[in-house]
mmCIF file of all heavy atoms, coordinates in Angstrom:
data_MODEL
# 
_entry.id   MODEL 
# 
loop_
_atom_site.group_PDB 
_atom_site.id 
_atom_site.type_symbol 
_atom_site.label_atom_id 
_atom_site.label_alt_id 
_atom_site.label_comp_id 
_atom_site.label_asym_id 
_atom_site.label_entity_id 
_atom_site.label_seq_id 
_atom_site.pdbx_PDB_ins_code 
_atom_site.Cartn_x 
_atom_site.Cartn_y 
_atom_site.Cartn_z 
_atom_site.occupancy 
_atom_site.B_iso_or_equiv 
_atom_site.pdbx_formal_charge 
_atom_site.auth_seq_id 
_atom_site.auth_comp_id 
_atom_site.auth_asym_id 
_atom_site.auth_atom_id 
_atom_site.pdbx_PDB_model_num 
ATOM 1   N N   . LEU A 1 1  ? 0.123  6.745  -1.998  1.00 0.00 ? 1  LEU A N   1 
ATOM 2   C CA  . LEU A 1 1  ? 0.923  6.554  -3.212  1.00 0.00 ? 1  LEU A CA  1 
ATOM 3   C C   . LEU A 1 1  ? 2.049  7.578  -3.295  1.00 0.00 ? 1  LEU A C   1 
ATOM 4   O O   . LEU A 1 1  ? 3.171  7.260  -3.710  1.00 0.00 ? 1  LEU A O   1 
ATOM 5   C CB  . LEU A 1 1  ? 0.029  6.653  -4.447  1.00 0.00 ? 1  LEU A CB  1 
ATOM 6   C CG  . LEU A 1 1  ? -0.899 5.462  -4.707  1.00 0.00 ? 1  LEU A CG  1 
ATOM 7   C CD1 . LEU A 1 1  ? -1.844 5.766  -5.856  1.00 0.00 ? 1  LEU A CD1 1 
ATOM 8   C CD2 . LEU A 1 1  ? -0.088 4.200  -5.008  1.00 0.00 ? 1  LEU A CD2 1 
ATOM 9   N N   . THR A 1 2  ? 1.752  8.815  -2.902  1.00 0.00 ? 2  THR A N   1 
ATOM 10  C CA  . THR A 1 2  ? 2.795  9.849  -2.898  1.00 0.00 ? 2  THR A CA  1 
ATOM 11  C C   . THR A 1 2  ? 3.919  9.465  -1.946  1.00 0.00 ? 2  THR A C   1 
ATOM 12  O O   . THR A 1 2  ? 5.102  9.661  -2.245  1.00 0.00 ? 2  THR A O   1 
ATOM 13  C CB  . THR A 1 2  ? 2.189  11.202 -2.488  1.00 0.00 ? 2  THR A CB  1 
ATOM 14  O OG1 . THR A 1 2  ? 1.094  11.519 -3.354  1.00 0.00 ? 2  THR A OG1 1 
ATOM 15  C CG2 . THR A 1 2  ? 3.231  12.307 -2.574  1.00 0.00 ? 2  THR A CG2 1 
ATOM 16  N N   . TYR A 1 3  ? 3.550  8.895  -0.813  1.00 0.00 ? 3  TYR A N   1 
ATOM 17  C CA  . TYR A 1 3  ? 4.549  8.440  0.167   1.00 0.00 ? 3  TYR A CA  1 
ATOM 18  C C   . TYR A 1 3  ? 5.341  7.248  -0.367  1.00 0.00 ? 3  TYR A C   1 
ATOM 19  O O   . TYR A 1 3  ? 6.573  7.193  -0.258  1.00 0.00 ? 3  TYR A O   1 
ATOM 20  C CB  . TYR A 1 3  ? 3.831  8.069  1.465   1.00 0.00 ? 3  TYR A CB  1 
ATOM 21  C CG  . TYR A 1 3  ? 4.706  7.432  2.521   1.00 0.00 ? 3  TYR A CG  1 
ATOM 22  C CD1 . TYR A 1 3  ? 5.572  8.201  3.286   1.00 0.00 ? 3  TYR A CD1 1 
ATOM 23  C CD2 . TYR A 1 3  ? 4.658  6.059  2.751   1.00 0.00 ? 3  TYR A CD2 1 
ATOM 24  C CE1 . TYR A 1 3  ? 6.369  7.619  4.258   1.00 0.00 ? 3  TYR A CE1 1 
ATOM 25  C CE2 . TYR A 1 3  ? 5.442  5.469  3.728   1.00 0.00 ? 3  TYR A CE2 1 
ATOM 26  C CZ  . TYR A 1 3  ? 6.303  6.255  4.476   1.00 0.00 ? 3  TYR A CZ  1 
ATOM 27  O OH  . TYR A 1 3  ? 7.091  5.678  5.431   1.00 0.00 ? 3  TYR A OH  1 
ATOM 28  N N   . GLN A 1 4  ? 4.652  6.287  -0.973  1.00 0.00 ? 4  GLN A N   1 
ATOM 29  C CA  . GLN A 1 4  ? 5.318  5.072  -1.449  1.00 0.00 ? 4  GLN A CA  1 
ATOM 30  C C   . GLN A 1 4  ? 6.261  5.343  -2.614  1.00 0.00 ? 4  GLN A C   1 
ATOM 31  O O   . GLN A 1 4  ? 7.263  4.645  -2.779  1.00 0.00 ? 4  GLN A O   1 
ATOM 32  C CB  . GLN A 1 4  ? 4.272  4.039  -1.879  1.00 0.00 ? 4  GLN A CB  1 
ATOM 33  C CG  . GLN A 1 4  ? 3.455  3.458  -0.739  1.00 0.00 ? 4  GLN A CG  1 
ATOM 34  C CD  . GLN A 1 4  ? 2.272  2.659  -1.219  1.00 0.00 ? 4  GLN A CD  1 
ATOM 35  O OE1 . GLN A 1 4  ? 2.138  2.377  -2.416  1.00 0.00 ? 4  GLN A OE1 1 
ATOM 36  N NE2 . GLN A 1 4  ? 1.395  2.299  -0.292  1.00 0.00 ? 4  GLN A NE2 1 
ATOM 37  N N   . ARG A 1 5  ? 5.937  6.333  -3.414  1.00 0.00 ? 5  ARG A N   1 
ATOM 38  C CA  . ARG A 1 5  ? 6.722  6.573  -4.626  1.00 0.00 ? 5  ARG A CA  1 
ATOM 39  C C   . ARG A 1 5  ? 8.195  6.775  -4.318  1.00 0.00 ? 5  ARG A C   1 
ATOM 40  O O   . ARG A 1 5  ? 9.075  6.310  -5.047  1.00 0.00 ? 5  ARG A O   1 
ATOM 41  C CB  . ARG A 1 5  ? 6.175  7.797  -5.358  1.00 0.00 ? 5  ARG A CB  1 
ATOM 42  C CG  . ARG A 1 5  ? 6.803  8.012  -6.730  1.00 0.00 ? 5  ARG A CG  1 
ATOM 43  C CD  . ARG A 1 5  ? 6.280  9.283  -7.386  1.00 0.00 ? 5  ARG A CD  1 
ATOM 44  N NE  . ARG A 1 5  ? 6.794  9.412  -8.735  1.00 0.00 ? 5  ARG A NE  1 
ATOM 45  C CZ  . ARG A 1 5  ? 8.001  9.873  -9.042  1.00 0.00 ? 5  ARG A CZ  1 
ATOM 46  N NH1 . ARG A 1 5  ? 8.827  10.240 -8.058  1.00 0.00 ? 5  ARG A NH1 1 
ATOM 47  N NH2 . ARG A 1 5  ? 8.402  9.952  -10.299 1.00 0.00 ? 5  ARG A NH2 1 
ATOM 48  N N   . SER A 1 6  ? 8.483  7.477  -3.209  1.00 0.00 ? 6  SER A N   1 
ATOM 49  C CA  . SER A 1 6  ? 9.883  7.750  -2.873  1.00 0.00 ? 6  SER A CA  1 
ATOM 50  C C   . SER A 1 6  ? 10.568 6.549  -2.242  1.00 0.00 ? 6  SER A C   1 
ATOM 51  O O   . SER A 1 6  ? 11.772 6.578  -2.011  1.00 0.00 ? 6  SER A O   1 
ATOM 52  C CB  . SER A 1 6  ? 9.956  8.938  -1.906  1.00 0.00 ? 6  SER A CB  1 
ATOM 53  O OG  . SER A 1 6  ? 9.341  8.591  -0.667  1.00 0.00 ? 6  SER A OG  1 
ATOM 54  N N   . ARG A 1 7  ? 9.806  5.492  -1.957  1.00 0.00 ? 7  ARG A N   1 
ATOM 55  C CA  . ARG A 1 7  ? 10.370 4.336  -1.263  1.00 0.00 ? 7  ARG A CA  1 
ATOM 56  C C   . ARG A 1 7  ? 10.431 3.093  -2.130  1.00 0.00 ? 7  ARG A C   1 
ATOM 57  O O   . ARG A 1 7  ? 10.611 1.988  -1.627  1.00 0.00 ? 7  ARG A O   1 
ATOM 58  C CB  . ARG A 1 7  ? 9.554  4.050  0.012   1.00 0.00 ? 7  ARG A CB  1 
ATOM 59  C CG  . ARG A 1 7  ? 9.921  5.015  1.130   1.00 0.00 ? 7  ARG A CG  1 
ATOM 60  C CD  . ARG A 1 7  ? 8.899  5.102  2.202   1.00 0.00 ? 7  ARG A CD  1 
ATOM 61  N NE  . ARG A 1 7  ? 9.454  5.720  3.395   1.00 0.00 ? 7  ARG A NE  1 
ATOM 62  C CZ  . ARG A 1 7  ? 9.722  6.996  3.541   1.00 0.00 ? 7  ARG A CZ  1 
ATOM 63  N NH1 . ARG A 1 7  ? 9.494  7.822  2.533   1.00 0.00 ? 7  ARG A NH1 1 
ATOM 64  N NH2 . ARG A 1 7  ? 10.238 7.476  4.653   1.00 0.00 ? 7  ARG A NH2 1 
ATOM 65  N N   . LEU A 1 8  ? 10.275 3.251  -3.442  1.00 0.00 ? 8  LEU A N   1 
ATOM 66  C CA  . LEU A 1 8  ? 10.300 2.100  -4.324  1.00 0.00 ? 8  LEU A CA  1 
ATOM 67  C C   . LEU A 1 8  ? 11.634 1.375  -4.287  1.00 0.00 ? 8  LEU A C   1 
ATOM 68  O O   . LEU A 1 8  ? 11.699 0.170  -4.457  1.00 0.00 ? 8  LEU A O   1 
ATOM 69  C CB  . LEU A 1 8  ? 9.999  2.535  -5.761  1.00 0.00 ? 8  LEU A CB  1 
ATOM 70  C CG  . LEU A 1 8  ? 8.533  2.841  -6.059  1.00 0.00 ? 8  LEU A CG  1 
ATOM 71  C CD1 . LEU A 1 8  ? 8.391  3.351  -7.478  1.00 0.00 ? 8  LEU A CD1 1 
ATOM 72  C CD2 . LEU A 1 8  ? 7.678  1.619  -5.838  1.00 0.00 ? 8  LEU A CD2 1 
ATOM 73  N N   . VAL A 1 9  ? 12.718 2.127  -4.054  1.00 0.00 ? 9  VAL A N   1 
ATOM 74  C CA  . VAL A 1 9  ? 14.037 1.511  -4.068  1.00 0.00 ? 9  VAL A CA  1 
ATOM 75  C C   . VAL A 1 9  ? 14.138 0.405  -3.028  1.00 0.00 ? 9  VAL A C   1 
ATOM 76  O O   . VAL A 1 9  ? 14.866 -0.565 -3.190  1.00 0.00 ? 9  VAL A O   1 
ATOM 77  C CB  . VAL A 1 9  ? 15.138 2.574  -3.829  1.00 0.00 ? 9  VAL A CB  1 
ATOM 78  C CG1 . VAL A 1 9  ? 15.024 3.181  -2.443  1.00 0.00 ? 9  VAL A CG1 1 
ATOM 79  C CG2 . VAL A 1 9  ? 16.521 1.968  -4.029  1.00 0.00 ? 9  VAL A CG2 1 
ATOM 80  N N   . ARG A 1 10 ? 13.356 0.485  -1.953  1.00 0.00 ? 10 ARG A N   1 
ATOM 81  C CA  . ARG A 1 10 ? 13.426 -0.530 -0.905  1.00 0.00 ? 10 ARG A CA  1 
ATOM 82  C C   . ARG A 1 10 ? 12.919 -1.880 -1.394  1.00 0.00 ? 10 ARG A C   1 
ATOM 83  O O   . ARG A 1 10 ? 13.319 -2.917 -0.895  1.00 0.00 ? 10 ARG A O   1 
ATOM 84  C CB  . ARG A 1 10 ? 12.582 -0.106 0.303   1.00 0.00 ? 10 ARG A CB  1 
ATOM 85  C CG  . ARG A 1 10 ? 13.046 1.124  0.989   1.00 0.00 ? 10 ARG A CG  1 
ATOM 86  C CD  . ARG A 1 10 ? 12.085 1.537  2.100   1.00 0.00 ? 10 ARG A CD  1 
ATOM 87  N NE  . ARG A 1 10 ? 11.810 0.426  2.994   1.00 0.00 ? 10 ARG A NE  1 
ATOM 88  C CZ  . ARG A 1 10 ? 10.633 -0.190 3.092   1.00 0.00 ? 10 ARG A CZ  1 
ATOM 89  N NH1 . ARG A 1 10 ? 9.641  0.202  2.335   1.00 0.00 ? 10 ARG A NH1 1 
ATOM 90  N NH2 . ARG A 1 10 ? 10.468 -1.191 3.927   1.00 0.00 ? 10 ARG A NH2 1 
ATOM 91  N N   . SER A 1 11 ? 12.009 -1.874 -2.364  1.00 0.00 ? 11 SER A N   1 
ATOM 92  C CA  . SER A 1 11 ? 11.391 -3.121 -2.787  1.00 0.00 ? 11 SER A CA  1 
ATOM 93  C C   . SER A 1 11 ? 12.243 -3.906 -3.773  1.00 0.00 ? 11 SER A C   1 
ATOM 94  O O   . SER A 1 11 ? 11.956 -5.062 -4.048  1.00 0.00 ? 11 SER A O   1 
ATOM 95  C CB  . SER A 1 11 ? 10.034 -2.822 -3.440  1.00 0.00 ? 11 SER A CB  1 
ATOM 96  O OG  . SER A 1 11 ? 9.212  -2.104 -2.556  1.00 0.00 ? 11 SER A OG  1 
ATOM 97  N N   . TRP A 1 12 ? 13.289 -3.273 -4.300  1.00 0.00 ? 12 TRP A N   1 
ATOM 98  C CA  . TRP A 1 12 ? 14.002 -3.930 -5.387  1.00 0.00 ? 12 TRP A CA  1 
ATOM 99  C C   . TRP A 1 12 ? 15.494 -4.073 -5.107  1.00 0.00 ? 12 TRP A C   1 
ATOM 100 O O   . TRP A 1 12 ? 16.305 -4.163 -6.016  1.00 0.00 ? 12 TRP A O   1 
ATOM 101 C CB  . TRP A 1 12 ? 13.782 -3.140 -6.695  1.00 0.00 ? 12 TRP A CB  1 
ATOM 102 C CG  . TRP A 1 12 ? 12.333 -3.086 -7.023  1.00 0.00 ? 12 TRP A CG  1 
ATOM 103 C CD1 . TRP A 1 12 ? 11.499 -2.047 -6.887  1.00 0.00 ? 12 TRP A CD1 1 
ATOM 104 C CD2 . TRP A 1 12 ? 11.538 -4.182 -7.490  1.00 0.00 ? 12 TRP A CD2 1 
ATOM 105 N NE1 . TRP A 1 12 ? 10.226 -2.394 -7.235  1.00 0.00 ? 12 TRP A NE1 1 
ATOM 106 C CE2 . TRP A 1 12 ? 10.217 -3.694 -7.619  1.00 0.00 ? 12 TRP A CE2 1 
ATOM 107 C CE3 . TRP A 1 12 ? 11.819 -5.513 -7.816  1.00 0.00 ? 12 TRP A CE3 1 
ATOM 108 C CZ2 . TRP A 1 12 ? 9.187  -4.503 -8.056  1.00 0.00 ? 12 TRP A CZ2 1 
ATOM 109 C CZ3 . TRP A 1 12 ? 10.773 -6.312 -8.241  1.00 0.00 ? 12 TRP A CZ3 1 
ATOM 110 C CH2 . TRP A 1 12 ? 9.486  -5.809 -8.361  1.00 0.00 ? 12 TRP A CH2 1 
ATOM 111 N N   . THR A 1 13 ? 15.859 -4.122 -3.850  1.00 0.00 ? 13 THR A N   1 
ATOM 112 C CA  . THR A 1 13 ? 17.274 -4.261 -3.512  1.00 0.00 ? 13 THR A CA  1 
ATOM 113 C C   . THR A 1 13 ? 17.789 -5.647 -3.854  1.00 0.00 ? 13 THR A C   1 
ATOM 114 O O   . THR A 1 13 ? 18.993 -5.870 -3.905  1.00 0.00 ? 13 THR A O   1 
ATOM 115 C CB  . THR A 1 13 ? 17.492 -4.005 -2.017  1.00 0.00 ? 13 THR A CB  1 
ATOM 116 O OG1 . THR A 1 13 ? 16.600 -4.845 -1.270  1.00 0.00 ? 13 THR A OG1 1 
ATOM 117 C CG2 . THR A 1 13 ? 17.196 -2.564 -1.671  1.00 0.00 ? 13 THR A CG2 1 
ATOM 118 N N   . HIS A 1 14 ? 16.872 -6.608 -4.085  1.00 0.00 ? 14 HIS A N   1 
ATOM 119 C CA  . HIS A 1 14 ? 17.314 -7.967 -4.409  1.00 0.00 ? 14 HIS A CA  1 
ATOM 120 C C   . HIS A 1 14 ? 17.682 -8.107 -5.877  1.00 0.00 ? 14 HIS A C   1 
ATOM 121 O O   . HIS A 1 14 ? 18.273 -9.110 -6.279  1.00 0.00 ? 14 HIS A O   1 
ATOM 122 C CB  . HIS A 1 14 ? 16.199 -8.954 -4.071  1.00 0.00 ? 14 HIS A CB  1 
ATOM 123 C CG  . HIS A 1 14 ? 14.953 -8.747 -4.886  1.00 0.00 ? 14 HIS A CG  1 
ATOM 124 N ND1 . HIS A 1 14 ? 14.113 -7.682 -4.661  1.00 0.00 ? 14 HIS A ND1 1 
ATOM 125 C CD2 . HIS A 1 14 ? 14.425 -9.452 -5.919  1.00 0.00 ? 14 HIS A CD2 1 
ATOM 126 C CE1 . HIS A 1 14 ? 13.092 -7.747 -5.507  1.00 0.00 ? 14 HIS A CE1 1 
ATOM 127 N NE2 . HIS A 1 14 ? 13.266 -8.805 -6.292  1.00 0.00 ? 14 HIS A NE2 1 
ATOM 128 N N   . LEU A 1 15 ? 17.304 -7.147 -6.717  1.00 0.00 ? 15 LEU A N   1 
ATOM 129 C CA  . LEU A 1 15 ? 17.606 -7.240 -8.142  1.00 0.00 ? 15 LEU A CA  1 
ATOM 130 C C   . LEU A 1 15 ? 18.995 -6.687 -8.425  1.00 0.00 ? 15 LEU A C   1 
ATOM 131 O O   . LEU A 1 15 ? 19.509 -5.847 -7.707  1.00 0.00 ? 15 LEU A O   1 
ATOM 132 C CB  . LEU A 1 15 ? 16.565 -6.448 -8.945  1.00 0.00 ? 15 LEU A CB  1 
ATOM 133 C CG  . LEU A 1 15 ? 15.109 -6.963 -8.811  1.00 0.00 ? 15 LEU A CG  1 
ATOM 134 C CD1 . LEU A 1 15 ? 14.181 -6.054 -9.584  1.00 0.00 ? 15 LEU A CD1 1 
ATOM 135 C CD2 . LEU A 1 15 ? 14.993 -8.387 -9.307  1.00 0.00 ? 15 LEU A CD2 1 
ATOM 136 N N   . GLU A 1 16 ? 19.613 -7.181 -9.492  1.00 0.00 ? 16 GLU A N   1 
ATOM 137 C CA  . GLU A 1 16 ? 20.970 -6.717 -9.766  1.00 0.00 ? 16 GLU A CA  1 
ATOM 138 C C   . GLU A 1 16 ? 20.971 -5.261 -10.168 1.00 0.00 ? 16 GLU A C   1 
ATOM 139 O O   . GLU A 1 16 ? 20.039 -4.770 -10.778 1.00 0.00 ? 16 GLU A O   1 
ATOM 140 C CB  . GLU A 1 16 ? 21.640 -7.573 -10.846 1.00 0.00 ? 16 GLU A CB  1 
ATOM 141 C CG  . GLU A 1 16 ? 20.802 -7.919 -12.054 1.00 0.00 ? 16 GLU A CG  1 
ATOM 142 C CD  . GLU A 1 16 ? 21.556 -8.721 -13.081 1.00 0.00 ? 16 GLU A CD  1 
ATOM 143 O OE1 . GLU A 1 16 ? 22.589 -8.231 -13.570 1.00 0.00 ? 16 GLU A OE1 1 
ATOM 144 O OE2 . GLU A 1 16 ? 21.117 -9.818 -13.411 1.00 0.00 ? 16 GLU A OE2 1 
ATOM 145 N N   . ARG A 1 17 ? 22.042 -4.580 -9.811  1.00 0.00 ? 17 ARG A N   1 
ATOM 146 C CA  . ARG A 1 17 ? 22.122 -3.146 -9.999  1.00 0.00 ? 17 ARG A CA  1 
ATOM 147 C C   . ARG A 1 17 ? 23.238 -2.760 -10.967 1.00 0.00 ? 17 ARG A C   1 
ATOM 148 O O   . ARG A 1 17 ? 23.475 -1.600 -11.183 1.00 0.00 ? 17 ARG A O   1 
ATOM 149 C CB  . ARG A 1 17 ? 22.399 -2.465 -8.647  1.00 0.00 ? 17 ARG A CB  1 
ATOM 150 C CG  . ARG A 1 17 ? 21.504 -2.920 -7.512  1.00 0.00 ? 17 ARG A CG  1 
ATOM 151 C CD  . ARG A 1 17 ? 20.178 -2.239 -7.557  1.00 0.00 ? 17 ARG A CD  1 
ATOM 152 N NE  . ARG A 1 17 ? 20.337 -0.807 -7.424  1.00 0.00 ? 17 ARG A NE  1 
ATOM 153 C CZ  . ARG A 1 17 ? 19.318 0.031  -7.330  1.00 0.00 ? 17 ARG A CZ  1 
ATOM 154 N NH1 . ARG A 1 17 ? 18.092 -0.424 -7.361  1.00 0.00 ? 17 ARG A NH1 1 
ATOM 155 N NH2 . ARG A 1 17 ? 19.521 1.316  -7.206  1.00 0.00 ? 17 ARG A NH2 1 
ATOM 156 N N   . GLN A 1 18 ? 23.941 -3.778 -11.503 1.00 0.00 ? 18 GLN A N   1 
ATOM 157 C CA  . GLN A 1 18 ? 25.062 -3.400 -12.355 1.00 0.00 ? 18 GLN A CA  1 
ATOM 158 C C   . GLN A 1 18 ? 24.579 -2.861 -13.690 1.00 0.00 ? 18 GLN A C   1 
ATOM 159 O O   . GLN A 1 18 ? 23.461 -3.103 -14.095 1.00 0.00 ? 18 GLN A O   1 
ATOM 160 C CB  . GLN A 1 18 ? 26.009 -4.589 -12.585 1.00 0.00 ? 18 GLN A CB  1 
ATOM 161 C CG  . GLN A 1 18 ? 25.486 -5.637 -13.546 1.00 0.00 ? 18 GLN A CG  1 
ATOM 162 C CD  . GLN A 1 18 ? 24.776 -6.749 -12.810 1.00 0.00 ? 18 GLN A CD  1 
ATOM 163 O OE1 . GLN A 1 18 ? 24.325 -6.550 -11.701 1.00 0.00 ? 18 GLN A OE1 1 
ATOM 164 N NE2 . GLN A 1 18 ? 24.672 -7.903 -13.416 1.00 0.00 ? 18 GLN A NE2 1 
ATOM 165 N N   . ARG A 1 19 ? 25.504 -2.202 -14.362 1.00 0.00 ? 19 ARG A N   1 
ATOM 166 C CA  . ARG A 1 19 ? 25.169 -1.583 -15.636 1.00 0.00 ? 19 ARG A CA  1 
ATOM 167 C C   . ARG A 1 19 ? 24.923 -2.659 -16.688 1.00 0.00 ? 19 ARG A C   1 
ATOM 168 O O   . ARG A 1 19 ? 25.656 -3.635 -16.793 1.00 0.00 ? 19 ARG A O   1 
ATOM 169 C CB  . ARG A 1 19 ? 26.330 -0.695 -16.063 1.00 0.00 ? 19 ARG A CB  1 
ATOM 170 C CG  . ARG A 1 19 ? 26.147 -0.030 -17.410 1.00 0.00 ? 19 ARG A CG  1 
ATOM 171 C CD  . ARG A 1 19 ? 27.249 0.969  -17.645 1.00 0.00 ? 19 ARG A CD  1 
ATOM 172 N NE  . ARG A 1 19 ? 27.191 1.529  -18.972 1.00 0.00 ? 19 ARG A NE  1 
ATOM 173 C CZ  . ARG A 1 19 ? 27.916 2.557  -19.365 1.00 0.00 ? 19 ARG A CZ  1 
ATOM 174 N NH1 . ARG A 1 19 ? 28.755 3.127  -18.514 1.00 0.00 ? 19 ARG A NH1 1 
ATOM 175 N NH2 . ARG A 1 19 ? 27.822 3.028  -20.576 1.00 0.00 ? 19 ARG A NH2 1 
ATOM 176 N N   . GLY A 1 20 ? 23.881 -2.493 -17.508 1.00 0.00 ? 20 GLY A N   1 
ATOM 177 C CA  . GLY A 1 20 ? 23.573 -3.449 -18.561 1.00 0.00 ? 20 GLY A CA  1 
ATOM 178 C C   . GLY A 1 20 ? 24.233 -3.073 -19.870 1.00 0.00 ? 20 GLY A C   1 
ATOM 179 O O   . GLY A 1 20 ? 24.896 -2.048 -20.000 1.00 0.00 ? 20 GLY A O   1 
ATOM 180 N N   . GLY A 1 21 ? 24.073 -3.909 -20.855 1.00 0.00 ? 21 GLY A N   1 
ATOM 181 C CA  . GLY A 1 21 ? 24.676 -3.666 -22.166 1.00 0.00 ? 21 GLY A CA  1 
ATOM 182 C C   . GLY A 1 21 ? 23.690 -3.031 -23.118 1.00 0.00 ? 21 GLY A C   1 
ATOM 183 O O   . GLY A 1 21 ? 22.592 -2.618 -22.741 1.00 0.00 ? 21 GLY A O   1 
ATOM 184 N N   . ALA A 1 22 ? 24.078 -2.966 -24.379 1.00 0.00 ? 22 ALA A N   1 
ATOM 185 C CA  . ALA A 1 22 ? 23.236 -2.454 -25.467 1.00 0.00 ? 22 ALA A CA  1 
ATOM 186 C C   . ALA A 1 22 ? 22.728 -1.047 -25.174 1.00 0.00 ? 22 ALA A C   1 
ATOM 187 O O   . ALA A 1 22 ? 21.611 -0.692 -25.516 1.00 0.00 ? 22 ALA A O   1 
ATOM 188 C CB  . ALA A 1 22 ? 22.063 -3.395 -25.717 1.00 0.00 ? 22 ALA A CB  1 
ATOM 189 N N   . GLY A 1 23 ? 23.598 -0.254 -24.506 1.00 0.00 ? 23 GLY A N   1 
ATOM 190 C CA  . GLY A 1 23 ? 23.248 1.145  -24.302 1.00 0.00 ? 23 GLY A CA  1 
ATOM 191 C C   . GLY A 1 23 ? 22.401 1.402  -23.083 1.00 0.00 ? 23 GLY A C   1 
ATOM 192 O O   . GLY A 1 23 ? 22.061 2.544  -22.817 1.00 0.00 ? 23 GLY A O   1 
ATOM 193 N N   . PHE A 1 24 ? 21.993 0.361  -22.333 1.00 0.00 ? 24 PHE A N   1 
ATOM 194 C CA  . PHE A 1 24 ? 21.202 0.587  -21.127 1.00 0.00 ? 24 PHE A CA  1 
ATOM 195 C C   . PHE A 1 24 ? 22.113 0.983  -19.983 1.00 0.00 ? 24 PHE A C   1 
ATOM 196 O O   . PHE A 1 24 ? 23.132 0.351  -19.738 1.00 0.00 ? 24 PHE A O   1 
ATOM 197 C CB  . PHE A 1 24 ? 20.407 -0.672 -20.764 1.00 0.00 ? 24 PHE A CB  1 
ATOM 198 C CG  . PHE A 1 24 ? 19.360 -1.016 -21.773 1.00 0.00 ? 24 PHE A CG  1 
ATOM 199 C CD1 . PHE A 1 24 ? 19.576 -2.018 -22.701 1.00 0.00 ? 24 PHE A CD1 1 
ATOM 200 C CD2 . PHE A 1 24 ? 18.165 -0.326 -21.813 1.00 0.00 ? 24 PHE A CD2 1 
ATOM 201 C CE1 . PHE A 1 24 ? 18.623 -2.339 -23.640 1.00 0.00 ? 24 PHE A CE1 1 
ATOM 202 C CE2 . PHE A 1 24 ? 17.202 -0.632 -22.745 1.00 0.00 ? 24 PHE A CE2 1 
ATOM 203 C CZ  . PHE A 1 24 ? 17.429 -1.642 -23.676 1.00 0.00 ? 24 PHE A CZ  1 
# 
């Protein structure tokens, strides 16, 4: 889990990364 924690970004490259609205 300690190893995986730093690699979470690899699992979500398919999701949009642009800035959201409403202060997010």
